[in-house]
N, C-alpha and C. Protein backbone atom coordinates (compact mmCIF):
# COMPACT_ATOMS: atom_id res chain seq x y z
N MET A 1 47.50 121.45 72.76
CA MET A 1 48.68 122.09 73.36
C MET A 1 49.94 121.35 72.89
N GLU A 2 50.87 122.10 72.39
CA GLU A 2 52.09 121.48 71.91
C GLU A 2 53.02 121.16 73.07
N PRO A 3 53.77 120.06 72.96
CA PRO A 3 54.69 119.68 74.04
C PRO A 3 55.82 120.68 74.15
N SER A 4 56.26 120.93 75.38
CA SER A 4 57.37 121.85 75.60
C SER A 4 58.68 121.19 75.24
N ALA A 5 59.75 121.99 75.20
CA ALA A 5 61.07 121.46 74.82
C ALA A 5 61.58 120.45 75.83
N LYS A 6 61.09 120.57 77.09
CA LYS A 6 61.58 119.68 78.14
C LYS A 6 60.75 118.41 78.29
N THR A 7 59.58 118.37 77.67
CA THR A 7 58.72 117.20 77.80
C THR A 7 58.31 116.61 76.46
N GLY A 8 58.72 117.24 75.38
CA GLY A 8 58.28 116.79 74.07
C GLY A 8 58.94 115.49 73.65
N SER A 9 58.44 114.96 72.53
CA SER A 9 58.97 113.72 71.99
C SER A 9 60.44 113.87 71.64
N GLY A 10 61.22 112.90 72.05
CA GLY A 10 62.65 112.89 71.74
C GLY A 10 63.52 113.65 72.71
N HIS A 11 62.92 114.26 73.74
CA HIS A 11 63.73 115.04 74.69
C HIS A 11 64.74 114.15 75.41
N LEU A 12 64.29 112.97 75.83
CA LEU A 12 65.20 112.04 76.52
C LEU A 12 66.34 111.61 75.59
N ASP A 13 66.01 111.36 74.32
CA ASP A 13 67.04 110.97 73.36
C ASP A 13 68.08 112.07 73.19
N ARG A 14 67.61 113.32 73.15
CA ARG A 14 68.54 114.43 72.98
C ARG A 14 69.45 114.59 74.20
N LEU A 15 68.88 114.42 75.39
CA LEU A 15 69.69 114.51 76.60
C LEU A 15 70.74 113.39 76.66
N ALA A 16 70.32 112.18 76.30
CA ALA A 16 71.26 111.05 76.31
C ALA A 16 72.38 111.27 75.31
N GLU A 17 72.04 111.82 74.13
CA GLU A 17 73.07 112.09 73.13
C GLU A 17 74.04 113.16 73.62
N ALA A 18 73.51 114.21 74.27
CA ALA A 18 74.36 115.26 74.81
C ALA A 18 75.28 114.71 75.90
N THR A 19 74.77 113.74 76.67
CA THR A 19 75.58 113.12 77.72
C THR A 19 76.76 112.36 77.12
N VAL A 20 76.51 111.65 76.04
CA VAL A 20 77.59 110.91 75.37
C VAL A 20 78.63 111.87 74.82
N VAL A 21 78.17 112.96 74.20
CA VAL A 21 79.11 113.95 73.65
C VAL A 21 79.98 114.54 74.77
N ALA A 22 79.33 114.89 75.90
CA ALA A 22 80.09 115.46 77.03
C ALA A 22 81.08 114.45 77.59
N ALA A 23 80.68 113.18 77.66
CA ALA A 23 81.57 112.15 78.17
C ALA A 23 82.78 111.97 77.26
N CYS A 24 82.55 112.03 75.95
CA CYS A 24 83.66 111.91 75.00
C CYS A 24 84.62 113.09 75.12
N GLU A 25 84.07 114.29 75.29
CA GLU A 25 84.93 115.46 75.48
C GLU A 25 85.75 115.34 76.75
N LEU A 26 85.13 114.82 77.81
CA LEU A 26 85.86 114.61 79.06
C LEU A 26 86.98 113.60 78.88
N ALA A 27 86.68 112.51 78.18
CA ALA A 27 87.71 111.48 77.94
C ALA A 27 88.87 112.04 77.13
N ASP A 28 88.57 112.89 76.15
CA ASP A 28 89.63 113.50 75.35
C ASP A 28 90.48 114.45 76.20
N ALA A 29 89.82 115.18 77.11
CA ALA A 29 90.54 116.13 77.96
C ALA A 29 91.49 115.43 78.91
N VAL A 30 91.15 114.21 79.32
CA VAL A 30 92.00 113.46 80.26
C VAL A 30 93.36 113.18 79.65
N GLU A 31 93.43 113.11 78.33
CA GLU A 31 94.69 112.81 77.67
C GLU A 31 95.69 113.95 77.78
N VAL A 32 95.19 115.17 78.00
CA VAL A 32 96.11 116.31 78.05
C VAL A 32 96.10 117.03 79.39
N GLU A 33 95.15 116.73 80.26
CA GLU A 33 95.07 117.37 81.56
C GLU A 33 95.03 116.32 82.67
N ARG A 34 95.38 116.74 83.88
CA ARG A 34 95.34 115.84 85.02
C ARG A 34 94.03 116.03 85.78
N TRP A 35 93.56 114.95 86.37
CA TRP A 35 92.32 115.02 87.14
C TRP A 35 92.53 115.85 88.40
N SER A 36 91.60 116.74 88.67
CA SER A 36 91.57 117.42 89.96
C SER A 36 90.59 116.67 90.86
N ALA A 37 90.67 116.92 92.16
CA ALA A 37 89.77 116.24 93.09
C ALA A 37 88.32 116.58 92.78
N GLY A 38 88.06 117.86 92.44
CA GLY A 38 86.70 118.26 92.12
C GLY A 38 86.18 117.59 90.86
N ALA A 39 87.05 117.45 89.85
CA ALA A 39 86.63 116.82 88.61
C ALA A 39 86.32 115.35 88.84
N VAL A 40 87.13 114.68 89.66
CA VAL A 40 86.87 113.27 89.99
C VAL A 40 85.52 113.13 90.67
N GLU A 41 85.25 114.01 91.63
CA GLU A 41 83.99 113.94 92.37
C GLU A 41 82.80 114.18 91.44
N ASP A 42 82.92 115.16 90.54
CA ASP A 42 81.82 115.46 89.63
C ASP A 42 81.57 114.29 88.67
N ALA A 43 82.64 113.74 88.11
CA ALA A 43 82.49 112.64 87.17
C ALA A 43 81.93 111.40 87.87
N ALA A 44 82.40 111.14 89.10
CA ALA A 44 81.89 109.99 89.85
C ALA A 44 80.42 110.17 90.18
N CYS A 45 80.03 111.40 90.53
CA CYS A 45 78.63 111.69 90.81
C CYS A 45 77.78 111.47 89.57
N ALA A 46 78.31 111.84 88.41
CA ALA A 46 77.57 111.63 87.16
C ALA A 46 77.36 110.14 86.91
N LEU A 47 78.37 109.34 87.20
CA LEU A 47 78.22 107.89 87.04
C LEU A 47 77.09 107.36 87.90
N GLU A 48 77.05 107.82 89.15
CA GLU A 48 76.03 107.33 90.07
C GLU A 48 74.63 107.78 89.64
N VAL A 49 74.52 109.02 89.18
CA VAL A 49 73.22 109.52 88.72
C VAL A 49 72.75 108.75 87.49
N LEU A 50 73.65 108.51 86.55
CA LEU A 50 73.29 107.77 85.35
C LEU A 50 72.89 106.34 85.67
N ALA A 51 73.62 105.71 86.60
CA ALA A 51 73.26 104.35 87.00
C ALA A 51 71.87 104.32 87.63
N GLY A 52 71.57 105.34 88.44
CA GLY A 52 70.25 105.42 89.05
C GLY A 52 69.16 105.60 88.01
N ALA A 53 69.44 106.40 87.00
CA ALA A 53 68.45 106.62 85.94
C ALA A 53 68.22 105.35 85.13
N LEU A 54 69.30 104.68 84.74
CA LEU A 54 69.17 103.44 83.97
C LEU A 54 68.55 102.32 84.82
N GLY A 55 68.73 102.41 86.13
CA GLY A 55 68.15 101.39 87.00
C GLY A 55 66.63 101.42 87.02
N ARG A 56 66.03 102.50 86.50
CA ARG A 56 64.57 102.59 86.46
C ARG A 56 63.97 101.79 85.31
N LEU A 57 64.83 101.22 84.47
CA LEU A 57 64.32 100.42 83.35
C LEU A 57 63.48 99.26 83.86
N ASP A 58 64.04 98.52 84.82
CA ASP A 58 63.34 97.38 85.41
C ASP A 58 64.16 96.89 86.61
N PRO A 59 63.60 96.05 87.46
CA PRO A 59 64.33 95.56 88.65
C PRO A 59 65.63 94.85 88.31
N GLU A 60 65.65 94.12 87.20
CA GLU A 60 66.87 93.41 86.83
C GLU A 60 68.00 94.39 86.50
N SER A 61 67.66 95.46 85.79
CA SER A 61 68.66 96.48 85.47
C SER A 61 69.17 97.16 86.74
N ALA A 62 68.26 97.43 87.67
CA ALA A 62 68.66 98.05 88.93
C ALA A 62 69.61 97.15 89.69
N ASP A 63 69.36 95.83 89.64
CA ASP A 63 70.23 94.89 90.33
C ASP A 63 71.61 94.86 89.68
N ILE A 64 71.65 94.87 88.36
CA ILE A 64 72.93 94.86 87.64
C ILE A 64 73.76 96.10 87.99
N LEU A 65 73.08 97.23 88.08
CA LEU A 65 73.78 98.51 88.30
C LEU A 65 74.01 98.83 89.76
N SER A 66 73.61 97.94 90.67
CA SER A 66 73.75 98.21 92.10
C SER A 66 75.21 98.32 92.53
N VAL A 67 76.12 97.80 91.72
CA VAL A 67 77.55 97.86 92.07
C VAL A 67 78.12 99.27 91.86
N VAL A 68 77.44 100.08 91.06
CA VAL A 68 77.99 101.39 90.73
C VAL A 68 78.11 102.30 91.95
N PRO A 69 77.07 102.45 92.80
CA PRO A 69 77.25 103.29 93.99
C PRO A 69 78.38 102.83 94.89
N VAL A 70 78.57 101.52 95.01
CA VAL A 70 79.66 101.00 95.83
C VAL A 70 81.01 101.39 95.23
N ALA A 71 81.13 101.24 93.90
CA ALA A 71 82.37 101.59 93.23
C ALA A 71 82.64 103.08 93.31
N VAL A 72 81.60 103.89 93.18
CA VAL A 72 81.76 105.34 93.27
C VAL A 72 82.23 105.74 94.66
N ALA A 73 81.61 105.14 95.69
CA ALA A 73 82.02 105.45 97.06
C ALA A 73 83.48 105.07 97.30
N ALA A 74 83.89 103.91 96.77
CA ALA A 74 85.28 103.48 96.93
C ALA A 74 86.23 104.43 96.20
N LEU A 75 85.83 104.88 95.02
CA LEU A 75 86.66 105.81 94.26
C LEU A 75 86.82 107.13 94.99
N LEU A 76 85.74 107.65 95.55
CA LEU A 76 85.81 108.92 96.26
C LEU A 76 86.66 108.78 97.53
N GLU A 77 86.53 107.64 98.22
CA GLU A 77 87.37 107.42 99.38
C GLU A 77 88.85 107.37 98.99
N ARG A 78 89.10 106.73 97.85
CA ARG A 78 90.48 106.65 97.35
C ARG A 78 91.01 108.05 97.03
N THR A 79 90.19 108.90 96.47
CA THR A 79 90.61 110.25 96.14
C THR A 79 90.90 111.05 97.40
N GLU A 80 90.03 110.88 98.42
CA GLU A 80 90.20 111.60 99.67
C GLU A 80 91.50 111.21 100.36
N GLN A 81 91.90 109.96 100.19
CA GLN A 81 93.08 109.46 100.87
C GLN A 81 94.35 109.56 100.03
N ALA A 82 94.25 110.10 98.82
CA ALA A 82 95.39 110.12 97.90
C ALA A 82 96.59 110.86 98.49
N HIS A 83 96.34 111.91 99.27
CA HIS A 83 97.45 112.68 99.82
C HIS A 83 98.30 111.85 100.77
N ALA A 84 97.70 110.81 101.36
CA ALA A 84 98.45 109.99 102.30
C ALA A 84 99.43 109.05 101.60
N GLU A 85 99.18 108.78 100.32
CA GLU A 85 100.06 107.88 99.59
C GLU A 85 101.48 108.43 99.51
N ALA A 86 101.60 109.75 99.37
CA ALA A 86 102.93 110.34 99.24
C ALA A 86 103.76 110.14 100.49
N ALA A 87 103.10 109.92 101.62
CA ALA A 87 103.82 109.75 102.88
C ALA A 87 104.23 108.31 103.14
N ALA A 88 103.78 107.38 102.28
CA ALA A 88 104.13 105.97 102.50
C ALA A 88 105.59 105.75 102.20
N PRO A 89 106.34 105.05 103.07
CA PRO A 89 107.76 104.84 102.88
C PRO A 89 108.09 103.79 101.82
N ASP A 90 108.53 104.28 100.65
CA ASP A 90 109.03 103.41 99.59
C ASP A 90 108.05 102.32 99.18
N GLY A 91 106.76 102.62 99.29
CA GLY A 91 105.75 101.65 98.86
C GLY A 91 105.60 100.47 99.78
N GLU A 92 106.23 100.52 100.96
CA GLU A 92 106.16 99.37 101.86
C GLU A 92 104.74 99.07 102.28
N GLU A 93 103.96 100.12 102.60
CA GLU A 93 102.59 99.91 103.05
C GLU A 93 101.70 99.39 101.94
N ALA A 94 102.04 99.77 100.67
CA ALA A 94 101.20 99.30 99.57
C ALA A 94 101.21 97.78 99.50
N GLY A 95 102.40 97.17 99.63
CA GLY A 95 102.47 95.72 99.62
C GLY A 95 101.74 95.13 100.81
N GLY A 96 101.89 95.75 101.97
CA GLY A 96 101.22 95.25 103.16
C GLY A 96 99.72 95.31 103.01
N ALA A 97 99.21 96.38 102.38
CA ALA A 97 97.77 96.51 102.21
C ALA A 97 97.23 95.42 101.29
N THR A 98 98.03 95.05 100.25
CA THR A 98 97.59 94.01 99.34
C THR A 98 97.42 92.69 100.08
N VAL A 99 98.41 92.32 100.86
CA VAL A 99 98.34 91.09 101.63
C VAL A 99 97.19 91.15 102.63
N THR A 100 97.03 92.31 103.29
CA THR A 100 95.97 92.47 104.28
C THR A 100 94.60 92.28 103.65
N GLY A 101 94.39 92.79 102.44
CA GLY A 101 93.11 92.63 101.78
C GLY A 101 92.76 91.17 101.57
N THR A 102 93.73 90.38 101.11
CA THR A 102 93.50 88.95 100.91
C THR A 102 93.22 88.26 102.23
N GLU A 103 94.01 88.57 103.23
CA GLU A 103 93.81 87.95 104.53
C GLU A 103 92.48 88.35 105.15
N LEU A 104 92.09 89.59 104.93
CA LEU A 104 90.83 90.07 105.49
C LEU A 104 89.65 89.34 104.86
N ARG A 105 89.69 89.12 103.56
CA ARG A 105 88.62 88.37 102.90
C ARG A 105 88.53 86.96 103.47
N ARG A 106 89.67 86.33 103.67
CA ARG A 106 89.68 84.97 104.21
C ARG A 106 89.15 84.94 105.64
N ALA A 107 89.56 85.93 106.43
CA ALA A 107 89.12 85.98 107.83
C ALA A 107 87.61 86.20 107.92
N LEU A 108 87.08 87.05 107.06
CA LEU A 108 85.64 87.28 107.05
C LEU A 108 84.89 86.03 106.60
N ALA A 109 85.40 85.37 105.55
CA ALA A 109 84.75 84.16 105.04
C ALA A 109 84.74 83.06 106.10
N PHE A 110 85.79 82.99 106.91
CA PHE A 110 85.87 81.98 107.97
C PHE A 110 84.70 82.10 108.93
N HIS A 111 84.22 83.33 109.11
CA HIS A 111 83.10 83.57 110.01
C HIS A 111 81.77 83.68 109.26
N GLY A 112 81.75 83.24 108.03
CA GLY A 112 80.51 83.20 107.28
C GLY A 112 80.14 84.51 106.59
N ILE A 113 81.03 85.49 106.60
CA ILE A 113 80.76 86.76 105.93
C ILE A 113 81.41 86.68 104.55
N THR A 114 80.65 86.21 103.59
CA THR A 114 81.20 85.90 102.27
C THR A 114 80.77 86.88 101.18
N ARG A 115 79.83 87.77 101.48
CA ARG A 115 79.33 88.70 100.45
C ARG A 115 80.00 90.07 100.53
N SER A 116 81.06 90.17 101.29
CA SER A 116 81.74 91.46 101.46
C SER A 116 82.61 91.76 100.24
N ARG A 117 82.91 93.04 100.06
CA ARG A 117 83.85 93.48 99.02
C ARG A 117 84.98 94.22 99.71
N VAL A 118 86.19 93.77 99.48
CA VAL A 118 87.37 94.41 100.06
C VAL A 118 88.13 95.12 98.95
N HIS A 119 88.37 96.41 99.14
CA HIS A 119 89.08 97.21 98.15
C HIS A 119 90.37 97.75 98.77
N ARG A 120 91.46 97.68 98.02
CA ARG A 120 92.71 98.33 98.44
C ARG A 120 92.81 99.64 97.70
N LEU A 121 92.65 100.72 98.43
CA LEU A 121 92.68 102.05 97.82
C LEU A 121 94.03 102.70 98.10
N GLY A 122 95.06 102.19 97.44
CA GLY A 122 96.40 102.70 97.68
C GLY A 122 96.96 102.17 98.99
N PRO A 123 98.12 102.67 99.39
CA PRO A 123 98.77 102.17 100.60
C PRO A 123 98.13 102.65 101.89
N ALA A 124 97.25 103.62 101.82
CA ALA A 124 96.76 104.25 103.05
C ALA A 124 95.39 103.77 103.50
N LEU A 125 94.65 103.05 102.66
CA LEU A 125 93.27 102.74 103.02
C LEU A 125 92.82 101.41 102.44
N VAL A 126 92.16 100.62 103.28
CA VAL A 126 91.46 99.40 102.87
C VAL A 126 90.00 99.60 103.24
N THR A 127 89.09 99.36 102.30
CA THR A 127 87.67 99.49 102.61
C THR A 127 86.99 98.14 102.49
N VAL A 128 85.97 97.94 103.31
CA VAL A 128 85.16 96.72 103.29
C VAL A 128 83.71 97.15 103.16
N THR A 129 83.03 96.65 102.14
CA THR A 129 81.62 96.95 101.92
C THR A 129 80.80 95.73 102.32
N LEU A 130 79.80 95.95 103.19
CA LEU A 130 79.05 94.85 103.78
C LEU A 130 77.56 95.14 103.76
N ALA A 131 76.76 94.07 103.74
CA ALA A 131 75.34 94.22 104.01
C ALA A 131 75.18 94.58 105.48
N PRO A 132 74.11 95.29 105.86
CA PRO A 132 73.94 95.69 107.27
C PRO A 132 74.05 94.54 108.26
N ALA A 133 73.44 93.39 107.95
CA ALA A 133 73.51 92.26 108.87
C ALA A 133 74.94 91.76 109.03
N ASP A 134 75.71 91.77 107.93
CA ASP A 134 77.10 91.35 108.01
C ASP A 134 77.95 92.36 108.78
N ALA A 135 77.63 93.65 108.61
CA ALA A 135 78.35 94.68 109.36
C ALA A 135 78.10 94.53 110.85
N GLN A 136 76.86 94.23 111.22
CA GLN A 136 76.53 94.02 112.63
C GLN A 136 77.24 92.78 113.16
N ALA A 137 77.28 91.73 112.33
CA ALA A 137 77.96 90.50 112.73
C ALA A 137 79.46 90.76 112.94
N LEU A 138 80.07 91.54 112.04
CA LEU A 138 81.48 91.85 112.19
C LEU A 138 81.74 92.64 113.46
N ALA A 139 80.85 93.58 113.77
CA ALA A 139 80.99 94.34 115.01
C ALA A 139 80.97 93.40 116.22
N ALA A 140 80.07 92.42 116.19
CA ALA A 140 79.98 91.47 117.31
C ALA A 140 81.26 90.64 117.41
N LEU A 141 81.81 90.26 116.25
CA LEU A 141 83.01 89.44 116.25
C LEU A 141 84.22 90.19 116.80
N LEU A 142 84.26 91.50 116.59
CA LEU A 142 85.43 92.28 117.00
C LEU A 142 85.40 92.65 118.48
N LEU A 143 84.26 92.49 119.13
CA LEU A 143 84.18 92.76 120.56
C LEU A 143 84.59 91.54 121.36
N PRO A 144 85.26 91.72 122.50
CA PRO A 144 85.54 90.58 123.37
C PRO A 144 84.24 89.90 123.77
N ARG A 145 84.29 88.62 124.01
CA ARG A 145 83.09 87.88 124.38
C ARG A 145 82.44 88.48 125.62
N GLY A 146 81.12 88.75 125.50
CA GLY A 146 80.38 89.27 126.63
C GLY A 146 80.57 90.74 126.90
N ALA A 147 81.33 91.42 126.06
CA ALA A 147 81.61 92.83 126.31
C ALA A 147 80.63 93.72 125.57
N LEU A 148 80.39 94.92 126.11
CA LEU A 148 79.59 95.94 125.45
C LEU A 148 80.53 96.95 124.81
N PRO A 149 80.07 97.68 123.80
CA PRO A 149 80.93 98.70 123.19
C PRO A 149 81.37 99.74 124.20
N ARG A 150 82.47 100.40 123.91
CA ARG A 150 82.97 101.46 124.77
C ARG A 150 81.95 102.59 124.87
N ARG A 151 81.90 103.22 126.03
CA ARG A 151 80.97 104.34 126.20
C ARG A 151 81.40 105.55 125.38
N ALA A 152 82.71 105.69 125.17
CA ALA A 152 83.20 106.81 124.36
C ALA A 152 83.06 106.43 122.89
N ARG A 153 82.15 107.05 122.21
CA ARG A 153 81.86 106.70 120.83
C ARG A 153 82.46 107.70 119.87
N PRO A 154 82.78 107.26 118.64
CA PRO A 154 83.15 108.23 117.62
C PRO A 154 82.00 109.20 117.41
N VAL A 155 82.31 110.46 117.24
CA VAL A 155 81.26 111.48 117.10
C VAL A 155 80.33 111.14 115.94
N GLU A 156 80.90 110.67 114.82
CA GLU A 156 80.08 110.41 113.65
C GLU A 156 79.17 109.21 113.85
N ALA A 157 79.49 108.32 114.81
CA ALA A 157 78.67 107.14 115.04
C ALA A 157 77.49 107.43 115.94
N GLU A 158 77.60 108.43 116.80
CA GLU A 158 76.57 108.71 117.79
C GLU A 158 75.20 108.94 117.14
N GLU A 159 75.16 109.70 116.05
CA GLU A 159 73.88 110.04 115.44
C GLU A 159 73.30 108.91 114.62
N LEU A 160 74.06 107.84 114.40
CA LEU A 160 73.56 106.73 113.59
C LEU A 160 72.72 105.74 114.39
N TRP A 161 72.92 105.69 115.71
CA TRP A 161 72.23 104.69 116.53
C TRP A 161 70.72 104.84 116.42
N GLY A 162 70.06 103.70 116.22
CA GLY A 162 68.60 103.69 116.18
C GLY A 162 67.99 104.24 114.93
N GLY A 163 68.76 104.48 113.89
CA GLY A 163 68.24 105.07 112.66
C GLY A 163 67.90 104.05 111.59
N GLY A 164 67.68 102.81 111.99
CA GLY A 164 67.40 101.74 111.03
C GLY A 164 68.54 100.74 111.00
N PRO A 165 68.33 99.58 110.35
CA PRO A 165 69.35 98.52 110.35
C PRO A 165 70.71 98.96 109.85
N ALA A 166 70.77 99.66 108.71
CA ALA A 166 72.06 100.04 108.13
C ALA A 166 72.79 101.04 109.02
N ARG A 167 72.08 102.07 109.48
CA ARG A 167 72.71 103.10 110.30
C ARG A 167 73.15 102.54 111.65
N THR A 168 72.31 101.68 112.24
CA THR A 168 72.67 101.08 113.52
C THR A 168 73.87 100.16 113.37
N ALA A 169 73.89 99.38 112.28
CA ALA A 169 75.03 98.50 112.03
C ALA A 169 76.30 99.29 111.83
N ALA A 170 76.21 100.42 111.10
CA ALA A 170 77.38 101.27 110.89
C ALA A 170 77.89 101.83 112.20
N ALA A 171 76.97 102.25 113.08
CA ALA A 171 77.37 102.79 114.38
C ALA A 171 78.07 101.72 115.22
N ALA A 172 77.50 100.51 115.23
CA ALA A 172 78.10 99.42 116.01
C ALA A 172 79.48 99.07 115.47
N LEU A 173 79.62 99.03 114.15
CA LEU A 173 80.91 98.68 113.56
C LEU A 173 81.94 99.78 113.80
N ALA A 174 81.51 101.05 113.70
CA ALA A 174 82.44 102.16 113.96
C ALA A 174 83.00 102.07 115.37
N GLU A 175 82.16 101.74 116.34
CA GLU A 175 82.63 101.61 117.72
C GLU A 175 83.58 100.42 117.87
N ALA A 176 83.22 99.30 117.24
CA ALA A 176 84.03 98.09 117.37
C ALA A 176 85.41 98.26 116.73
N LEU A 177 85.52 99.18 115.76
CA LEU A 177 86.80 99.39 115.07
C LEU A 177 87.73 100.32 115.83
N VAL A 178 87.18 101.11 116.75
CA VAL A 178 87.99 102.10 117.47
C VAL A 178 89.25 101.50 118.10
N PRO A 179 89.16 100.37 118.81
CA PRO A 179 90.38 99.83 119.44
C PRO A 179 91.44 99.34 118.46
N HIS A 180 91.08 99.24 117.18
CA HIS A 180 92.01 98.68 116.20
C HIS A 180 92.85 99.74 115.49
N GLY A 181 92.63 101.01 115.81
CA GLY A 181 93.50 102.02 115.23
C GLY A 181 92.80 103.33 114.95
N VAL A 182 93.60 104.38 114.89
CA VAL A 182 93.09 105.71 114.58
C VAL A 182 92.74 105.80 113.10
N GLY A 183 91.70 106.53 112.79
CA GLY A 183 91.34 106.75 111.40
C GLY A 183 90.36 105.74 110.83
N THR A 184 89.92 104.77 111.63
CA THR A 184 88.91 103.83 111.15
C THR A 184 87.54 104.49 111.16
N TYR A 185 86.65 104.01 110.33
CA TYR A 185 85.30 104.57 110.28
C TYR A 185 84.35 103.55 109.68
N ALA A 186 83.07 103.80 109.81
CA ALA A 186 82.03 103.03 109.13
C ALA A 186 80.90 103.98 108.79
N ARG A 187 80.37 103.87 107.59
CA ARG A 187 79.29 104.76 107.18
C ARG A 187 78.36 104.03 106.25
N VAL A 188 77.17 104.58 106.07
CA VAL A 188 76.15 103.98 105.21
C VAL A 188 76.28 104.57 103.81
N LEU A 189 76.31 103.71 102.81
CA LEU A 189 76.39 104.15 101.42
C LEU A 189 74.99 104.42 100.88
N GLY A 190 74.93 105.10 99.75
CA GLY A 190 73.64 105.37 99.13
C GLY A 190 72.91 104.10 98.75
N SER A 191 73.64 103.00 98.54
CA SER A 191 73.03 101.72 98.18
C SER A 191 72.39 101.02 99.36
N GLY A 192 72.62 101.56 100.58
CA GLY A 192 72.09 100.92 101.78
C GLY A 192 73.06 99.98 102.44
N GLN A 193 74.21 99.75 101.81
CA GLN A 193 75.24 98.92 102.42
C GLN A 193 76.10 99.75 103.36
N VAL A 194 76.93 99.06 104.13
CA VAL A 194 77.81 99.72 105.08
C VAL A 194 79.24 99.60 104.57
N SER A 195 79.96 100.72 104.57
CA SER A 195 81.36 100.73 104.15
C SER A 195 82.24 101.06 105.35
N ALA A 196 83.22 100.23 105.61
CA ALA A 196 84.17 100.47 106.69
C ALA A 196 85.53 100.78 106.09
N GLY A 197 86.21 101.77 106.66
CA GLY A 197 87.54 102.15 106.19
C GLY A 197 88.57 101.89 107.27
N LEU A 198 89.69 101.29 106.87
CA LEU A 198 90.74 100.95 107.81
C LEU A 198 92.11 101.28 107.21
N THR A 199 93.02 101.71 108.04
CA THR A 199 94.40 101.80 107.61
C THR A 199 94.94 100.38 107.51
N PRO A 200 96.04 100.16 106.79
CA PRO A 200 96.60 98.81 106.74
C PRO A 200 96.90 98.24 108.12
N GLN A 201 97.38 99.10 109.04
CA GLN A 201 97.66 98.62 110.39
C GLN A 201 96.39 98.17 111.08
N ALA A 202 95.31 98.95 110.93
CA ALA A 202 94.03 98.58 111.54
C ALA A 202 93.49 97.30 110.91
N ALA A 203 93.65 97.17 109.60
CA ALA A 203 93.18 95.96 108.92
C ALA A 203 93.91 94.73 109.45
N ARG A 204 95.22 94.86 109.67
CA ARG A 204 95.97 93.72 110.22
C ARG A 204 95.49 93.39 111.62
N SER A 205 95.16 94.42 112.41
CA SER A 205 94.64 94.19 113.75
C SER A 205 93.30 93.48 113.71
N VAL A 206 92.45 93.86 112.77
CA VAL A 206 91.15 93.21 112.62
C VAL A 206 91.33 91.75 112.21
N VAL A 207 92.24 91.50 111.26
CA VAL A 207 92.50 90.13 110.84
C VAL A 207 92.97 89.29 112.03
N ALA A 208 93.86 89.85 112.84
CA ALA A 208 94.35 89.13 114.02
C ALA A 208 93.20 88.81 114.98
N ALA A 209 92.28 89.77 115.15
CA ALA A 209 91.15 89.54 116.05
C ALA A 209 90.22 88.47 115.50
N LEU A 210 90.02 88.46 114.19
CA LEU A 210 89.11 87.49 113.59
C LEU A 210 89.69 86.09 113.55
N THR A 211 91.00 85.98 113.52
CA THR A 211 91.64 84.67 113.42
C THR A 211 92.18 84.17 114.76
N SER A 212 91.94 84.92 115.82
CA SER A 212 92.47 84.50 117.12
C SER A 212 91.70 83.34 117.72
N SER A 213 90.47 83.11 117.21
CA SER A 213 89.66 82.00 117.71
C SER A 213 89.71 80.86 116.71
N SER A 214 89.72 79.64 117.19
CA SER A 214 89.81 78.48 116.32
C SER A 214 88.47 78.10 115.71
N ALA A 215 87.38 78.68 116.20
CA ALA A 215 86.05 78.34 115.69
C ALA A 215 85.25 79.62 115.45
N PRO A 216 84.40 79.60 114.43
CA PRO A 216 83.55 80.78 114.17
C PRO A 216 82.62 81.05 115.34
N ARG A 217 82.35 82.33 115.60
CA ARG A 217 81.43 82.71 116.66
C ARG A 217 80.03 82.88 116.09
N PRO A 218 78.99 82.67 116.91
CA PRO A 218 77.63 82.80 116.41
C PRO A 218 77.34 84.21 115.94
N ARG A 219 76.49 84.32 114.93
CA ARG A 219 76.16 85.62 114.36
C ARG A 219 74.81 86.09 114.87
N ARG A 220 74.65 87.42 114.90
CA ARG A 220 73.37 88.02 115.25
C ARG A 220 72.59 88.26 113.96
N ARG A 221 71.30 87.96 114.02
CA ARG A 221 70.46 88.19 112.85
C ARG A 221 69.18 88.91 113.27
N GLY A 222 68.34 89.19 112.28
CA GLY A 222 67.03 89.74 112.58
C GLY A 222 67.05 91.20 112.98
N LEU A 223 67.90 92.01 112.35
CA LEU A 223 67.92 93.44 112.67
C LEU A 223 66.64 94.10 112.20
N GLY A 224 66.13 95.02 112.98
CA GLY A 224 64.94 95.77 112.60
C GLY A 224 65.18 97.25 112.75
N PRO A 225 64.25 98.11 112.31
CA PRO A 225 64.44 99.56 112.36
C PRO A 225 64.73 100.08 113.76
N GLY A 226 64.19 99.43 114.79
CA GLY A 226 64.40 99.93 116.14
C GLY A 226 65.49 99.20 116.89
N TYR A 227 66.17 98.29 116.23
CA TYR A 227 67.18 97.48 116.90
C TYR A 227 68.35 98.34 117.32
N MET A 228 68.72 98.25 118.60
CA MET A 228 69.78 99.09 119.12
C MET A 228 71.13 98.40 119.17
N GLY A 229 71.20 97.23 118.53
CA GLY A 229 72.49 96.58 118.34
C GLY A 229 73.09 96.05 119.62
N LEU A 230 74.41 96.08 119.67
CA LEU A 230 75.15 95.46 120.74
C LEU A 230 75.03 96.21 122.06
N ASN A 231 74.60 97.43 121.99
CA ASN A 231 74.57 98.25 123.18
C ASN A 231 73.13 98.46 123.67
N SER A 232 72.23 97.52 123.35
CA SER A 232 70.82 97.72 123.65
C SER A 232 70.55 97.82 125.13
N GLY A 233 71.41 97.25 125.93
CA GLY A 233 71.17 97.31 127.36
C GLY A 233 71.77 98.52 128.03
N GLY A 234 72.51 99.33 127.26
CA GLY A 234 73.23 100.41 127.89
C GLY A 234 72.78 101.78 127.49
N ARG A 235 71.67 101.86 126.74
CA ARG A 235 71.22 103.18 126.29
C ARG A 235 69.83 103.47 126.81
């Protein structure tokens, strides 16, 4: 039986070559056309798919390419928030967001959260990418000592509770961010990490909360699939 066109020898090589040709055509088109939101999303999705495919080479390659889903998520968040940039007064918030990002990294490091990634996505959004355990620890740090999360939860956080370490950590962090400003969120990325989004004002509020204590607070560890996080006694 002869191999089909989709499974025969060299099929993968032909697809990879076609991908390069398409990418070159896209790069050439960028010189004369402006990116639309849909085009950005499609191209970003292609990056993530290609990274996933190349990650099948071996575990080391997968580890090298693990940054791609995080970068894609940050890029898409930046695109979603682009309309808010036009409303920023004379770039004032852009400078504030830059300072806030640096301060936020320092505040997180002070409490032992050193593997986070802080991105400034224009003047309207600062994102923080965290491992689930670090996201849960940040949620604990943002709550007053001995306090439980508010009973009124963000709608998007409600369905995350009890869905595993990453989803539970995202739900806990989303709740802990609510008092720091409107428009904050936390969600699980395809990589399994947790991404939190904050306005510059919310980021400054978080920095103030993290630096209000002179000593680091103890961290929670040992999250499991059934762990109900900070609100385990109230559900």
